[in-house]
């Protein structure tokens, strides 16, 4: 099953959502907005990890050509 590409797409979207939450929310003496901004940091960092995991899974699942050894020298 090819699960590396969808996993990388989910990770990239998590990273983008984290950036949006972190940079667009401006908490001024509001603890709930501050918590949402910090959750954006967590989601963005988690998205980077999920993206890396998707890339690694994709690279591990590649079908490589078998090595053809030529013994006729």
Protein backbone atom coordinates (compact mmCIF):
# COMPACT_ATOMS: atom_id res chain seq x y z
CA UNK A 1 0.00 0.00 0.00
CA UNK A 2 1.31 3.44 -0.93
CA UNK A 3 0.72 5.49 2.20
CA UNK A 4 3.76 7.75 2.02
CA UNK A 5 2.35 10.41 -0.30
CA UNK A 6 -0.96 10.93 1.58
CA UNK A 7 0.95 11.05 4.84
CA UNK A 8 3.26 13.75 3.47
CA UNK A 9 0.26 15.74 2.18
CA UNK A 10 -1.39 15.58 5.62
CA UNK A 11 1.87 16.71 7.22
CA UNK A 12 2.23 19.66 4.86
CA UNK A 13 -1.35 20.73 5.53
CA UNK A 14 -0.76 20.45 9.30
CA UNK A 15 2.32 22.64 8.94
CA UNK A 16 0.40 25.27 6.97
CA UNK A 17 -2.47 25.26 9.49
CA UNK A 18 0.06 25.66 12.29
CA UNK A 19 1.61 28.66 10.55
CA UNK A 20 -1.81 30.23 10.08
CA UNK A 21 -2.77 29.69 13.72
CA UNK A 22 0.53 31.03 15.01
CA UNK A 23 0.90 34.12 12.85
CA UNK A 24 -2.69 35.31 12.39
CA UNK A 25 -3.83 35.16 16.01
CA UNK A 26 -2.87 38.16 18.10
CA UNK A 27 -3.81 37.47 21.74
CA UNK A 28 -4.15 40.58 23.86
CA UNK A 29 -4.91 39.61 27.46
CA UNK A 30 -7.00 36.68 26.26
CA UNK A 31 -5.87 33.29 27.54
CA UNK A 32 -8.04 31.27 25.12
CA UNK A 33 -6.52 32.93 22.06
CA UNK A 34 -3.06 32.52 23.55
CA UNK A 35 -3.74 28.80 24.01
CA UNK A 36 -4.91 28.51 20.38
CA UNK A 37 -1.74 30.28 19.22
CA UNK A 38 0.42 27.84 21.20
CA UNK A 39 -1.56 24.93 19.76
CA UNK A 40 -0.68 26.31 16.33
CA UNK A 41 2.98 25.93 17.28
CA UNK A 42 2.38 22.31 18.32
CA UNK A 43 0.41 21.51 15.17
CA UNK A 44 3.09 23.07 12.95
CA UNK A 45 5.93 21.16 14.59
CA UNK A 46 3.92 17.93 14.48
CA UNK A 47 3.23 18.58 10.81
CA UNK A 48 6.95 18.75 10.11
CA UNK A 49 7.40 15.37 11.76
CA UNK A 50 4.49 13.82 9.89
CA UNK A 51 5.84 15.17 6.60
CA UNK A 52 9.25 13.66 7.31
CA UNK A 53 7.62 10.34 8.21
CA UNK A 54 5.66 10.39 4.95
CA UNK A 55 8.80 11.01 2.93
CA UNK A 56 10.64 8.19 4.71
CA UNK A 57 7.73 5.75 4.22
CA UNK A 58 7.55 6.70 0.55
CA UNK A 59 11.28 6.10 0.09
CA UNK A 60 11.13 2.76 1.90
CA UNK A 61 8.22 1.50 -0.23
CA UNK A 62 9.83 2.24 -3.58
CA UNK A 63 10.16 -0.81 -5.75
CA UNK A 64 13.76 -1.02 -6.83
CA UNK A 65 14.95 -2.98 -9.82
CA UNK A 66 16.61 -6.22 -8.85
CA UNK A 67 20.35 -6.32 -9.34
CA UNK A 68 21.21 -8.27 -12.45
CA UNK A 69 24.58 -9.84 -12.06
CA UNK A 70 26.44 -10.80 -15.18
CA UNK A 71 28.78 -13.72 -14.57
CA UNK A 72 29.83 -14.01 -18.21
CA UNK A 73 33.17 -12.26 -18.28
